[in-house]
Amino acid sequence: MGAVTTDNGVERADRVPKQDRSRATRQRLLEAAVACLAEHGWAGSTVSVVAERAGVSRGAAQHHFPTREDLFTAAVEYVAEERSTALRALFPQGAAGDRRAVVSALVDLYTGPLFRAALQLWVAASNEDQLRPRVTELEAHVGRETHRIAVDLLAADESRPGVRETVQGLLDMARGLGLANLLTDDTGRRERVVAQWAAVLDRELRD
């Protein structure tokens, strides 16, 4: 693509490709940051390590994210939003008739690299005053969005007494299963718990 001449005669060369490259670089950095957090923890995940993994210079990384806190909070939020979009796409028409599938999909959110990365960020925030308010805000945002998705997919009527607490209990349970899975493969027990929670939801959310 060659230079484009604007109305005032000034040439604008390759603006769109440069913007595309910038977006691609930003996305690589965000994905690399989550992978580094999940694999190496907060202490082992510096901007330099992430930049190397993403295949960009440290300067390029700092151009997009001036501080380490900027990079990692943005990374967890970005991947959380991507996972939320993917979760909704699994059930485009909702899934009130197959609540076990919804429970299983929600539990899966807490048993992968994203949860490991988020957990590392939470632990770091508990010890670093500069990071804590940002992670607290991020966790509240992600928590609200996950709760909203769960309500939509389960067709849960939160105007009914106890329904909101039941949905939140499901998400708290899913987080607990995610924690258990960090140390050992908890697949067998997880499947039994998922089946039981699906039965509870069918009973509690029925019309």
C-alpha atoms as a PDB file:
ATOM      1  CA  MET A   1       0.000   0.000   0.000  1.00  0.00           C
ATOM      2  CA  GLY A   2       1.494   3.328  -1.011  1.00  0.00           C
ATOM      3  CA  ALA A   3       1.225   6.816   0.401  1.00  0.00           C
ATOM      4  CA  VAL A   4      -2.197   8.458   0.482  1.00  0.00           C
ATOM      5  CA  THR A   5      -2.528  12.155  -0.255  1.00  0.00           C
ATOM      6  CA  THR A   6      -4.972  13.973   1.990  1.00  0.00           C
ATOM      7  CA  ASP A   7      -7.056  17.029   1.075  1.00  0.00           C
ATOM      8  CA  ASN A   8      -4.398  19.400   2.401  1.00  0.00           C
ATOM      9  CA  GLY A   9      -1.725  17.779   0.267  1.00  0.00           C
ATOM     10  CA  VAL A  10       0.061  16.046   3.131  1.00  0.00           C
ATOM     11  CA  GLU A  11       0.999  12.460   2.450  1.00  0.00           C
ATOM     12  CA  ARG A  12      -0.185   9.876   4.946  1.00  0.00           C
ATOM     13  CA  ALA A  13       1.781   6.671   4.427  1.00  0.00           C
ATOM     14  CA  ASP A  14       0.455   3.298   5.474  1.00  0.00           C
ATOM     15  CA  ARG A  15      -1.567   4.552   8.438  1.00  0.00           C
ATOM     16  CA  VAL A  16      -3.916   1.594   8.565  1.00  0.00           C
ATOM     17  CA  PRO A  17      -1.185  -1.073   8.415  1.00  0.00           C
ATOM     18  CA  LYS A  18       0.718   0.724  11.185  1.00  0.00           C
ATOM     19  CA  GLN A  19      -2.404   0.788  13.322  1.00  0.00           C
ATOM     20  CA  ASP A  20      -2.932  -2.898  12.629  1.00  0.00           C
ATOM     21  CA  ARG A  21       0.645  -3.664  13.596  1.00  0.00           C
ATOM     22  CA  SER A  22       0.246  -1.669  16.792  1.00  0.00           C
ATOM     23  CA  ARG A  23      -2.894  -3.606  17.729  1.00  0.00           C
ATOM     24  CA  ALA A  24      -1.183  -6.888  16.945  1.00  0.00           C
ATOM     25  CA  THR A  25       1.800  -5.944  19.113  1.00  0.00           C
ATOM     26  CA  ARG A  26      -0.476  -4.961  21.975  1.00  0.00           C
ATOM     27  CA  GLN A  27      -2.379  -8.240  21.731  1.00  0.00           C
ATOM     28  CA  ARG A  28       0.834 -10.293  21.712  1.00  0.00           C
ATOM     29  CA  LEU A  29       2.019  -8.462  24.821  1.00  0.00           C
ATOM     30  CA  LEU A  30      -1.253  -9.054  26.657  1.00  0.00           C
ATOM     31  CA  GLU A  31      -1.328 -12.751  25.834  1.00  0.00           C
ATOM     32  CA  ALA A  32       2.358 -13.152  26.694  1.00  0.00           C
ATOM     33  CA  ALA A  33       1.821 -11.388  30.027  1.00  0.00           C
ATOM     34  CA  VAL A  34      -0.930 -13.795  31.058  1.00  0.00           C
ATOM     35  CA  ALA A  35       1.159 -16.803  29.999  1.00  0.00           C
ATOM     36  CA  CYS A  36       4.167 -15.524  31.966  1.00  0.00           C
ATOM     37  CA  LEU A  37       2.095 -14.893  35.085  1.00  0.00           C
ATOM     38  CA  ALA A  38       0.582 -18.369  34.899  1.00  0.00           C
ATOM     39  CA  GLU A  39       3.955 -20.048  34.400  1.00  0.00           C
ATOM     40  CA  HIS A  40       6.391 -17.922  36.400  1.00  0.00           C
ATOM     41  CA  GLY A  41       4.324 -15.965  38.908  1.00  0.00           C
ATOM     42  CA  TRP A  42       4.580 -12.275  39.646  1.00  0.00           C
ATOM     43  CA  ALA A  43       8.221 -12.339  40.731  1.00  0.00           C
ATOM     44  CA  GLY A  44       9.348 -14.023  37.517  1.00  0.00           C
ATOM     45  CA  SER A  45       7.210 -11.950  35.166  1.00  0.00           C
ATOM     46  CA  THR A  46       9.028  -8.743  34.368  1.00  0.00           C
ATOM     47  CA  VAL A  47       8.299  -6.467  31.426  1.00  0.00           C
ATOM     48  CA  SER A  48      11.504  -7.684  29.774  1.00  0.00           C
ATOM     49  CA  VAL A  49      10.459 -11.325  30.092  1.00  0.00           C
ATOM     50  CA  VAL A  50       7.041 -10.582  28.617  1.00  0.00           C
ATOM     51  CA  ALA A  51       8.508  -8.508  25.787  1.00  0.00           C
ATOM     52  CA  GLU A  52      10.906 -11.301  24.871  1.00  0.00           C
ATOM     53  CA  ARG A  53       8.102 -13.853  24.862  1.00  0.00           C
ATOM     54  CA  ALA A  54       5.970 -11.569  22.702  1.00  0.00           C
ATOM     55  CA  GLY A  55       8.855 -11.002  20.285  1.00  0.00           C
ATOM     56  CA  VAL A  56       9.025  -7.236  20.774  1.00  0.00           C
ATOM     57  CA  SER A  57      11.526  -4.862  22.332  1.00  0.00           C
ATOM     58  CA  ARG A  58      11.233  -3.661  25.907  1.00  0.00           C
ATOM     59  CA  GLY A  59      10.825  -0.146  24.550  1.00  0.00           C
ATOM     60  CA  ALA A  60       7.876  -1.226  22.420  1.00  0.00           C
ATOM     61  CA  ALA A  61       6.307  -2.882  25.439  1.00  0.00           C
ATOM     62  CA  GLN A  62       6.677   0.255  27.527  1.00  0.00           C
ATOM     63  CA  HIS A  63       5.259   2.343  24.700  1.00  0.00           C
ATOM     64  CA  HIS A  64       1.998   0.403  25.041  1.00  0.00           C
ATOM     65  CA  PHE A  65       2.177  -0.105  28.819  1.00  0.00           C
ATOM     66  CA  PRO A  66       4.313   2.440  30.681  1.00  0.00           C
ATOM     67  CA  THR A  67       4.384   0.458  33.930  1.00  0.00           C
ATOM     68  CA  ARG A  68       4.442  -3.184  34.934  1.00  0.00           C
ATOM     69  CA  GLU A  69       1.130  -2.732  36.721  1.00  0.00           C
ATOM     70  CA  ASP A  70      -0.414  -1.313  33.529  1.00  0.00           C
ATOM     71  CA  LEU A  71       0.699  -4.353  31.555  1.00  0.00           C
ATOM     72  CA  PHE A  72      -0.464  -7.102  33.864  1.00  0.00           C
ATOM     73  CA  THR A  73      -3.808  -5.654  34.933  1.00  0.00           C
ATOM     74  CA  ALA A  74      -4.619  -4.920  31.284  1.00  0.00           C
ATOM     75  CA  ALA A  75      -3.549  -8.442  30.344  1.00  0.00           C
ATOM     76  CA  VAL A  76      -5.810 -10.183  32.849  1.00  0.00           C
ATOM     77  CA  GLU A  77      -8.736  -7.943  31.923  1.00  0.00           C
ATOM     78  CA  TYR A  78      -8.181  -8.521  28.197  1.00  0.00           C
ATOM     79  CA  VAL A  79      -8.079 -12.302  28.464  1.00  0.00           C
ATOM     80  CA  ALA A  80     -11.027 -12.343  30.868  1.00  0.00           C
ATOM     81  CA  GLU A  81     -13.082 -10.410  28.323  1.00  0.00           C
ATOM     82  CA  GLU A  82     -11.979 -12.777  25.552  1.00  0.00           C
ATOM     83  CA  ARG A  83     -13.021 -15.773  27.641  1.00  0.00           C
ATOM     84  CA  SER A  84     -16.359 -14.148  28.472  1.00  0.00           C
ATOM     85  CA  THR A  85     -17.044 -13.600  24.783  1.00  0.00           C
ATOM     86  CA  ALA A  86     -16.119 -17.207  24.033  1.00  0.00           C
ATOM     87  CA  LEU A  87     -18.363 -18.448  26.852  1.00  0.00           C
ATOM     88  CA  ARG A  88     -21.365 -16.574  25.511  1.00  0.00           C
ATOM     89  CA  ALA A  89     -20.600 -17.898  22.025  1.00  0.00           C
ATOM     90  CA  LEU A  90     -20.901 -21.466  23.323  1.00  0.00           C
ATOM     91  CA  PHE A  91     -24.568 -20.861  24.119  1.00  0.00           C
ATOM     92  CA  PRO A  92     -25.855 -18.302  21.594  1.00  0.00           C
ATOM     93  CA  GLN A  93     -29.473 -19.169  22.417  1.00  0.00           C
ATOM     94  CA  GLY A  94     -28.911 -19.545  26.159  1.00  0.00           C
ATOM     95  CA  ALA A  95     -28.762 -22.885  27.909  1.00  0.00           C
ATOM     96  CA  ALA A  96     -31.456 -23.010  30.575  1.00  0.00           C
ATOM     97  CA  GLY A  97     -32.319 -26.509  29.364  1.00  0.00           C
ATOM     98  CA  ASP A  98     -28.772 -27.806  29.838  1.00  0.00           C
ATOM     99  CA  ARG A  99     -27.587 -26.284  33.070  1.00  0.00           C
ATOM    100  CA  ARG A 100     -24.921 -28.934  33.544  1.00  0.00           C
ATOM    101  CA  ALA A 101     -23.194 -27.685  30.375  1.00  0.00           C
ATOM    102  CA  VAL A 102     -23.295 -24.122  31.717  1.00  0.00           C
ATOM    103  CA  VAL A 103     -21.917 -25.150  35.118  1.00  0.00           C
ATOM    104  CA  SER A 104     -19.137 -27.102  33.426  1.00  0.00           C
ATOM    105  CA  ALA A 105     -18.239 -24.164  31.170  1.00  0.00           C
ATOM    106  CA  LEU A 106     -18.179 -21.757  34.123  1.00  0.00           C
ATOM    107  CA  VAL A 107     -15.950 -24.122  36.110  1.00  0.00           C
ATOM    108  CA  ASP A 108     -13.601 -24.305  33.123  1.00  0.00           C
ATOM    109  CA  LEU A 109     -13.053 -20.550  33.469  1.00  0.00           C
ATOM    110  CA  TYR A 110     -11.370 -21.214  36.796  1.00  0.00           C
ATOM    111  CA  THR A 111      -9.190 -24.166  35.831  1.00  0.00           C
ATOM    112  CA  GLY A 112      -7.018 -22.726  33.073  1.00  0.00           C
ATOM    113  CA  PRO A 113      -4.077 -20.336  32.594  1.00  0.00           C
ATOM    114  CA  LEU A 114      -6.233 -17.236  33.049  1.00  0.00           C
ATOM    115  CA  PHE A 115      -7.179 -18.231  36.595  1.00  0.00           C
ATOM    116  CA  ARG A 116      -3.568 -19.091  37.412  1.00  0.00           C
ATOM    117  CA  ALA A 117      -2.467 -15.684  36.127  1.00  0.00           C
ATOM    118  CA  ALA A 118      -5.213 -13.847  38.003  1.00  0.00           C
ATOM    119  CA  LEU A 119      -4.330 -15.692  41.202  1.00  0.00           C
ATOM    120  CA  GLN A 120      -0.691 -14.629  40.903  1.00  0.00           C
ATOM    121  CA  LEU A 121      -1.858 -11.047  40.447  1.00  0.00           C
ATOM    122  CA  TRP A 122      -4.098 -11.263  43.537  1.00  0.00           C
ATOM    123  CA  VAL A 123      -1.262 -12.618  45.671  1.00  0.00           C
ATOM    124  CA  ALA A 124       1.075  -9.862  44.480  1.00  0.00           C
ATOM    125  CA  ALA A 125      -1.594  -7.222  45.147  1.00  0.00           C
ATOM    126  CA  SER A 126      -1.979  -8.429  48.733  1.00  0.00           C
ATOM    127  CA  ASN A 127       1.641  -7.401  49.336  1.00  0.00           C
ATOM    128  CA  GLU A 128       2.032  -4.363  47.080  1.00  0.00           C
ATOM    129  CA  ASP A 129       0.118  -1.205  47.931  1.00  0.00           C
ATOM    130  CA  GLN A 130       0.561   0.259  44.443  1.00  0.00           C
ATOM    131  CA  LEU A 131      -0.992  -2.764  42.773  1.00  0.00           C
ATOM    132  CA  ARG A 132      -3.788  -3.529  45.238  1.00  0.00           C
ATOM    133  CA  PRO A 133      -6.400  -0.908  44.260  1.00  0.00           C
ATOM    134  CA  ARG A 134      -6.028  -1.710  40.574  1.00  0.00           C
ATOM    135  CA  VAL A 135      -6.434  -5.435  41.107  1.00  0.00           C
ATOM    136  CA  THR A 136      -9.358  -4.889  43.484  1.00  0.00           C
ATOM    137  CA  GLU A 137     -11.127  -2.818  40.837  1.00  0.00           C
ATOM    138  CA  LEU A 138     -10.301  -5.362  38.143  1.00  0.00           C
ATOM    139  CA  GLU A 139     -11.575  -8.277  40.214  1.00  0.00           C
ATOM    140  CA  ALA A 140     -14.835  -6.442  40.910  1.00  0.00           C
ATOM    141  CA  HIS A 141     -15.312  -5.732  37.195  1.00  0.00           C
ATOM    142  CA  VAL A 142     -14.556  -9.301  36.103  1.00  0.00           C
ATOM    143  CA  GLY A 143     -16.694 -10.710  38.906  1.00  0.00           C
ATOM    144  CA  ARG A 144     -19.705  -8.606  37.917  1.00  0.00           C
ATOM    145  CA  GLU A 145     -19.368  -9.608  34.275  1.00  0.00           C
ATOM    146  CA  THR A 146     -19.027 -13.312  35.082  1.00  0.00           C
ATOM    147  CA  HIS A 147     -22.071 -13.133  37.355  1.00  0.00           C
ATOM    148  CA  ARG A 148     -24.053 -11.394  34.605  1.00  0.00           C
ATOM    149  CA  ILE A 149     -23.098 -14.089  32.085  1.00  0.00           C
ATOM    150  CA  ALA A 150     -24.067 -16.849  34.504  1.00  0.00           C
ATOM    151  CA  VAL A 151     -27.464 -15.249  35.122  1.00  0.00           C
ATOM    152  CA  ASP A 152     -28.114 -14.894  31.393  1.00  0.00           C
ATOM    153  CA  LEU A 153     -27.042 -18.423  30.457  1.00  0.00           C
ATOM    154  CA  LEU A 154     -28.957 -20.020  33.319  1.00  0.00           C
ATOM    155  CA  ALA A 155     -32.036 -17.856  32.677  1.00  0.00           C
ATOM    156  CA  ALA A 156     -32.017 -17.104  36.387  1.00  0.00           C
ATOM    157  CA  ASP A 157     -34.657 -14.715  37.720  1.00  0.00           C
ATOM    158  CA  GLU A 158     -32.832 -12.758  40.408  1.00  0.00           C
ATOM    159  CA  SER A 159     -36.026 -11.066  41.517  1.00  0.00           C
ATOM    160  CA  ARG A 160     -36.887 -14.337  43.254  1.00  0.00           C
ATOM    161  CA  PRO A 161     -35.571 -14.734  46.813  1.00  0.00           C
ATOM    162  CA  GLY A 162     -32.320 -16.633  47.057  1.00  0.00           C
ATOM    163  CA  VAL A 163     -31.610 -16.856  43.318  1.00  0.00           C
ATOM    164  CA  ARG A 164     -28.840 -14.273  43.283  1.00  0.00           C
ATOM    165  CA  GLU A 165     -27.135 -16.008  46.199  1.00  0.00           C
ATOM    166  CA  THR A 166     -27.479 -19.377  44.444  1.00  0.00           C
ATOM    167  CA  VAL A 167     -25.755 -18.053  41.307  1.00  0.00           C
ATOM    168  CA  GLN A 168     -23.020 -16.425  43.369  1.00  0.00           C
ATOM    169  CA  GLY A 169     -22.585 -19.651  45.309  1.00  0.00           C
ATOM    170  CA  LEU A 170     -22.054 -21.437  41.998  1.00  0.00           C
ATOM    171  CA  LEU A 171     -19.279 -19.016  41.054  1.00  0.00           C
ATOM    172  CA  ASP A 172     -17.677 -19.267  44.492  1.00  0.00           C
ATOM    173  CA  MET A 173     -17.757 -23.054  44.133  1.00  0.00           C
ATOM    174  CA  ALA A 174     -16.162 -22.826  40.688  1.00  0.00           C
ATOM    175  CA  ARG A 175     -13.368 -20.666  42.093  1.00  0.00           C
ATOM    176  CA  GLY A 176     -12.791 -23.184  44.867  1.00  0.00           C
ATOM    177  CA  LEU A 177     -12.510 -26.013  42.339  1.00  0.00           C
ATOM    178  CA  GLY A 178     -10.015 -23.905  40.432  1.00  0.00           C
ATOM    179  CA  LEU A 179      -7.886 -23.520  43.547  1.00  0.00           C
ATOM    180  CA  ALA A 180      -7.999 -27.259  44.218  1.00  0.00           C
ATOM    181  CA  ASN A 181      -6.905 -27.940  40.654  1.00  0.00           C
ATOM    182  CA  LEU A 182      -3.734 -25.878  41.072  1.00  0.00           C
ATOM    183  CA  LEU A 183      -2.046 -28.632  43.059  1.00  0.00           C
ATOM    184  CA  THR A 184      -3.554 -31.857  41.740  1.00  0.00           C
ATOM    185  CA  ASP A 185      -5.678 -33.056  38.845  1.00  0.00           C
ATOM    186  CA  ASP A 186      -9.114 -32.799  40.409  1.00  0.00           C
ATOM    187  CA  THR A 187     -11.079 -33.885  37.329  1.00  0.00           C
ATOM    188  CA  GLY A 188     -12.965 -36.784  38.882  1.00  0.00           C
ATOM    189  CA  ARG A 189     -14.255 -34.928  41.928  1.00  0.00           C
ATOM    190  CA  ARG A 190     -14.900 -31.840  39.818  1.00  0.00           C
ATOM    191  CA  GLU A 191     -17.235 -33.768  37.503  1.00  0.00           C
ATOM    192  CA  ARG A 192     -19.257 -35.065  40.447  1.00  0.00           C
ATOM    193  CA  VAL A 193     -19.531 -31.591  41.969  1.00  0.00           C
ATOM    194  CA  VAL A 194     -20.590 -30.129  38.623  1.00  0.00           C
ATOM    195  CA  ALA A 195     -23.337 -32.742  38.307  1.00  0.00           C
ATOM    196  CA  GLN A 196     -24.581 -32.011  41.826  1.00  0.00           C
ATOM    197  CA  TRP A 197     -24.604 -28.248  41.288  1.00  0.00           C
ATOM    198  CA  ALA A 198     -26.508 -28.682  38.018  1.00  0.00           C
ATOM    199  CA  ALA A 199     -29.140 -30.650  39.944  1.00  0.00           C
ATOM    200  CA  VAL A 200     -29.293 -27.938  42.611  1.00  0.00           C
ATOM    201  CA  LEU A 201     -29.771 -25.261  39.957  1.00  0.00           C
ATOM    202  CA  ASP A 202     -32.483 -27.221  38.174  1.00  0.00           C
ATOM    203  CA  ARG A 203     -34.350 -27.418  41.490  1.00  0.00           C
ATOM    204  CA  GLU A 204     -33.745 -23.860  42.647  1.00  0.00           C
ATOM    205  CA  LEU A 205     -34.280 -22.085  39.314  1.00  0.00           C
ATOM    206  CA  ARG A 206     -37.266 -23.998  37.985  1.00  0.00           C
ATOM    207  CA  ASP A 207     -40.364 -21.986  37.258  1.00  0.00           C
END
